[in-house]
């Protein structure tokens, strides 16, 4: 089960994801503020935030809402572990 390129892979998958994980968290004003924090961390590591916009939005949303990130690609969130918990799945 997963979401690729921002689209649900098959009919019914979104319903299964919502049953498993709930409605999800919004990218709201708090997440927008947190986006600045995670972007600064990425820049401080010498990485380009532009290439990682979606991952940074996910990290910012998690940070703003006190959530962790469960991912198959923890390397996508390397350097952000000081502000958000990254869990390899």
N, C-alpha and C. Protein backbone atom coordinates (compact mmCIF):
# COMPACT_ATOMS: atom_id res chain seq x y z
N UNK A 1 0.83 -1.18 0.00
CA UNK A 1 0.00 0.00 0.00
C UNK A 1 0.88 1.24 0.00
N UNK A 2 0.58 2.18 -0.85
CA UNK A 2 1.36 3.39 -0.86
C UNK A 2 0.81 4.40 -1.84
N UNK A 3 1.35 5.58 -1.78
CA UNK A 3 0.95 6.64 -2.69
C UNK A 3 2.19 6.98 -3.50
N UNK A 4 2.04 7.05 -4.81
CA UNK A 4 3.17 7.38 -5.68
C UNK A 4 2.83 8.61 -6.48
N UNK A 5 3.80 9.50 -6.59
CA UNK A 5 3.64 10.73 -7.37
C UNK A 5 2.39 11.50 -6.98
N UNK A 6 1.97 11.39 -5.73
CA UNK A 6 0.82 12.14 -5.26
C UNK A 6 -0.51 11.57 -5.69
N UNK A 7 -0.51 10.41 -6.34
CA UNK A 7 -1.75 9.81 -6.82
C UNK A 7 -1.94 8.44 -6.19
N UNK A 8 -3.16 8.09 -5.95
CA UNK A 8 -3.48 6.78 -5.42
C UNK A 8 -3.36 5.79 -6.56
N UNK A 9 -2.72 4.65 -6.31
CA UNK A 9 -2.43 3.69 -7.37
C UNK A 9 -3.63 2.93 -7.91
N UNK A 10 -4.64 2.68 -7.10
CA UNK A 10 -5.78 1.90 -7.59
C UNK A 10 -7.04 2.32 -6.84
N UNK A 11 -8.20 2.04 -7.45
CA UNK A 11 -9.46 2.35 -6.75
C UNK A 11 -9.51 1.58 -5.43
N UNK A 12 -9.97 2.23 -4.43
CA UNK A 12 -10.08 1.59 -3.12
C UNK A 12 -8.85 1.77 -2.25
N UNK A 13 -7.71 2.09 -2.85
CA UNK A 13 -6.47 2.24 -2.07
C UNK A 13 -6.56 3.42 -1.12
N UNK A 14 -7.10 4.54 -1.58
CA UNK A 14 -7.24 5.70 -0.70
C UNK A 14 -8.12 5.37 0.49
N UNK A 15 -9.20 4.64 0.26
CA UNK A 15 -10.08 4.24 1.36
C UNK A 15 -9.33 3.36 2.36
N UNK A 16 -8.52 2.43 1.86
CA UNK A 16 -7.73 1.56 2.76
C UNK A 16 -6.71 2.38 3.54
N UNK A 17 -6.06 3.33 2.87
CA UNK A 17 -5.09 4.18 3.57
C UNK A 17 -5.76 4.99 4.67
N UNK A 18 -6.94 5.53 4.38
CA UNK A 18 -7.66 6.32 5.39
C UNK A 18 -8.10 5.45 6.55
N UNK A 19 -8.54 4.22 6.27
CA UNK A 19 -8.93 3.31 7.36
C UNK A 19 -7.73 2.98 8.24
N UNK A 20 -6.57 2.82 7.62
CA UNK A 20 -5.37 2.45 8.36
C UNK A 20 -4.76 3.62 9.12
N UNK A 21 -4.65 4.77 8.46
CA UNK A 21 -3.91 5.89 9.02
C UNK A 21 -4.75 7.10 9.39
N UNK A 22 -6.02 7.11 9.06
CA UNK A 22 -6.86 8.26 9.33
C UNK A 22 -6.85 9.23 8.16
N UNK A 23 -7.42 10.38 8.39
CA UNK A 23 -7.58 11.37 7.31
C UNK A 23 -6.28 12.03 6.87
N UNK A 24 -5.28 12.01 7.70
CA UNK A 24 -4.04 12.69 7.36
C UNK A 24 -3.97 14.05 8.03
N UNK A 25 -2.86 14.71 7.85
CA UNK A 25 -2.62 16.00 8.48
C UNK A 25 -2.54 17.08 7.41
N UNK A 26 -3.07 18.26 7.69
CA UNK A 26 -3.05 19.33 6.69
C UNK A 26 -1.70 20.05 6.64
N UNK A 27 -1.37 20.57 5.49
CA UNK A 27 -0.25 21.51 5.38
C UNK A 27 -0.87 22.88 5.64
N UNK A 28 -0.82 23.27 6.91
CA UNK A 28 -1.48 24.49 7.36
C UNK A 28 -0.45 25.58 7.69
N UNK A 29 -0.90 26.64 8.36
CA UNK A 29 0.01 27.73 8.71
C UNK A 29 1.18 27.25 9.57
N UNK A 30 0.90 26.36 10.52
CA UNK A 30 1.97 25.85 11.38
C UNK A 30 2.98 25.05 10.56
N UNK A 31 2.50 24.29 9.59
CA UNK A 31 3.40 23.52 8.73
C UNK A 31 4.22 24.46 7.85
N UNK A 32 3.62 25.55 7.41
CA UNK A 32 4.35 26.52 6.59
C UNK A 32 5.51 27.14 7.39
N UNK A 33 5.26 27.44 8.65
CA UNK A 33 6.32 27.96 9.51
C UNK A 33 7.41 26.89 9.71
N UNK A 34 7.00 25.66 9.96
CA UNK A 34 7.94 24.55 10.14
C UNK A 34 8.74 24.29 8.87
N UNK A 35 8.14 24.57 7.72
CA UNK A 35 8.85 24.40 6.44
C UNK A 35 10.12 25.25 6.42
N UNK A 36 10.04 26.44 6.96
CA UNK A 36 11.23 27.29 7.06
C UNK A 36 12.31 26.64 7.89
N UNK A 37 11.93 25.99 8.97
CA UNK A 37 12.90 25.30 9.84
C UNK A 37 13.57 24.16 9.11
N UNK A 38 12.79 23.29 8.47
CA UNK A 38 13.39 22.13 7.80
C UNK A 38 14.21 22.57 6.59
N UNK A 39 13.79 23.62 5.92
CA UNK A 39 14.55 24.13 4.78
C UNK A 39 15.91 24.64 5.24
N UNK A 40 15.93 25.36 6.36
CA UNK A 40 17.20 25.86 6.90
C UNK A 40 18.14 24.71 7.26
N UNK A 41 17.60 23.63 7.82
CA UNK A 41 18.43 22.46 8.14
C UNK A 41 19.04 21.86 6.89
N UNK A 42 18.26 21.74 5.85
CA UNK A 42 18.75 21.16 4.60
C UNK A 42 19.84 22.04 3.99
N UNK A 43 19.63 23.33 3.99
CA UNK A 43 20.63 24.26 3.45
C UNK A 43 21.91 24.19 4.27
N UNK A 44 21.77 24.11 5.60
CA UNK A 44 22.95 24.02 6.48
C UNK A 44 23.77 22.76 6.20
N UNK A 45 23.11 21.73 5.68
CA UNK A 45 23.81 20.49 5.34
C UNK A 45 24.40 20.53 3.93
N UNK A 46 24.22 21.65 3.26
CA UNK A 46 24.76 21.79 1.92
C UNK A 46 23.91 21.16 0.83
N UNK A 47 22.65 20.88 1.15
CA UNK A 47 21.75 20.28 0.18
C UNK A 47 20.84 21.35 -0.39
N UNK A 48 20.27 21.05 -1.54
CA UNK A 48 19.37 22.00 -2.20
C UNK A 48 17.92 21.68 -1.87
N UNK A 49 17.24 22.58 -1.17
CA UNK A 49 15.86 22.30 -0.78
C UNK A 49 14.90 22.20 -1.97
N UNK A 50 15.23 22.87 -3.06
CA UNK A 50 14.34 22.86 -4.22
C UNK A 50 14.11 21.45 -4.75
N UNK A 51 15.13 20.64 -4.69
CA UNK A 51 15.02 19.26 -5.19
C UNK A 51 14.22 18.36 -4.25
N UNK A 52 13.91 18.85 -3.07
CA UNK A 52 13.27 18.03 -2.04
C UNK A 52 11.98 18.64 -1.52
N UNK A 53 11.32 19.45 -2.28
CA UNK A 53 10.16 20.22 -1.80
C UNK A 53 9.10 19.32 -1.17
N UNK A 54 8.70 18.25 -1.84
CA UNK A 54 7.63 17.41 -1.31
C UNK A 54 8.07 16.74 -0.01
N UNK A 55 9.29 16.21 0.03
CA UNK A 55 9.79 15.59 1.27
C UNK A 55 9.84 16.61 2.40
N UNK A 56 10.25 17.82 2.08
CA UNK A 56 10.31 18.87 3.12
C UNK A 56 8.93 19.27 3.59
N UNK A 57 7.95 19.27 2.70
CA UNK A 57 6.57 19.56 3.11
C UNK A 57 6.05 18.47 4.04
N UNK A 58 6.38 17.22 3.74
CA UNK A 58 5.98 16.10 4.61
C UNK A 58 6.64 16.26 5.97
N UNK A 59 7.94 16.54 5.99
CA UNK A 59 8.66 16.72 7.25
C UNK A 59 8.10 17.90 8.04
N UNK A 60 7.81 18.99 7.35
CA UNK A 60 7.27 20.18 8.02
C UNK A 60 5.90 19.90 8.62
N UNK A 61 5.08 19.16 7.90
CA UNK A 61 3.75 18.81 8.42
C UNK A 61 3.89 17.95 9.66
N UNK A 62 4.79 16.97 9.62
CA UNK A 62 5.02 16.11 10.78
C UNK A 62 5.53 16.95 11.96
N UNK A 63 6.48 17.82 11.71
CA UNK A 63 7.03 18.67 12.77
C UNK A 63 5.94 19.55 13.39
N UNK A 64 5.14 20.17 12.56
CA UNK A 64 4.10 21.09 13.05
C UNK A 64 3.04 20.38 13.88
N UNK A 65 2.80 19.11 13.58
CA UNK A 65 1.74 18.37 14.26
C UNK A 65 2.26 17.35 15.27
N UNK A 66 3.57 17.39 15.54
CA UNK A 66 4.15 16.49 16.54
C UNK A 66 4.08 15.02 16.13
N UNK A 67 4.15 14.77 14.83
CA UNK A 67 4.05 13.40 14.32
C UNK A 67 5.41 12.93 13.83
N UNK A 68 5.53 11.64 13.64
CA UNK A 68 6.71 11.07 13.02
C UNK A 68 6.43 10.77 11.56
N UNK A 69 7.46 10.33 10.86
CA UNK A 69 7.33 9.98 9.45
C UNK A 69 7.69 8.50 9.31
N UNK A 70 6.79 7.74 8.75
CA UNK A 70 7.06 6.34 8.43
C UNK A 70 7.32 6.28 6.94
N UNK A 71 8.51 5.80 6.55
CA UNK A 71 8.89 5.85 5.15
C UNK A 71 9.71 4.63 4.75
N UNK A 72 9.63 4.29 3.49
CA UNK A 72 10.49 3.25 2.93
C UNK A 72 11.84 3.83 2.53
N UNK A 73 11.93 5.15 2.50
CA UNK A 73 13.16 5.83 2.07
C UNK A 73 13.62 6.85 3.12
N UNK A 74 14.15 6.36 4.25
CA UNK A 74 14.58 7.30 5.28
C UNK A 74 15.67 8.26 4.82
N UNK A 75 16.41 7.89 3.79
CA UNK A 75 17.45 8.79 3.27
C UNK A 75 16.85 10.09 2.74
N UNK A 76 15.58 10.05 2.33
CA UNK A 76 14.91 11.26 1.86
C UNK A 76 14.81 12.31 2.95
N UNK A 77 14.91 11.88 4.20
CA UNK A 77 14.74 12.79 5.34
C UNK A 77 16.03 12.91 6.15
N UNK A 78 17.15 12.51 5.56
CA UNK A 78 18.45 12.59 6.24
C UNK A 78 18.74 14.02 6.64
N UNK A 79 19.18 14.19 7.87
CA UNK A 79 19.51 15.50 8.39
C UNK A 79 18.37 16.19 9.12
N UNK A 80 17.19 15.59 9.06
CA UNK A 80 16.03 16.19 9.73
C UNK A 80 15.69 15.47 11.03
N UNK A 81 16.48 14.45 11.38
CA UNK A 81 16.18 13.63 12.55
C UNK A 81 16.19 14.43 13.85
N UNK A 82 16.84 15.57 13.86
CA UNK A 82 16.88 16.39 15.08
C UNK A 82 15.54 17.07 15.36
N UNK A 83 14.68 17.17 14.34
CA UNK A 83 13.41 17.85 14.54
C UNK A 83 12.19 16.98 14.33
N UNK A 84 12.37 15.86 13.65
CA UNK A 84 11.23 14.96 13.40
C UNK A 84 11.72 13.50 13.42
N UNK A 85 10.92 12.64 14.01
CA UNK A 85 11.28 11.22 14.09
C UNK A 85 11.01 10.57 12.74
N UNK A 86 12.04 9.90 12.20
CA UNK A 86 11.94 9.21 10.92
C UNK A 86 12.03 7.72 11.19
N UNK A 87 11.01 6.99 10.77
CA UNK A 87 10.91 5.55 11.04
C UNK A 87 10.97 4.81 9.71
N UNK A 88 11.96 3.95 9.55
CA UNK A 88 12.08 3.15 8.34
C UNK A 88 11.03 2.04 8.36
N UNK A 89 10.35 1.87 7.25
CA UNK A 89 9.32 0.83 7.15
C UNK A 89 9.73 -0.24 6.17
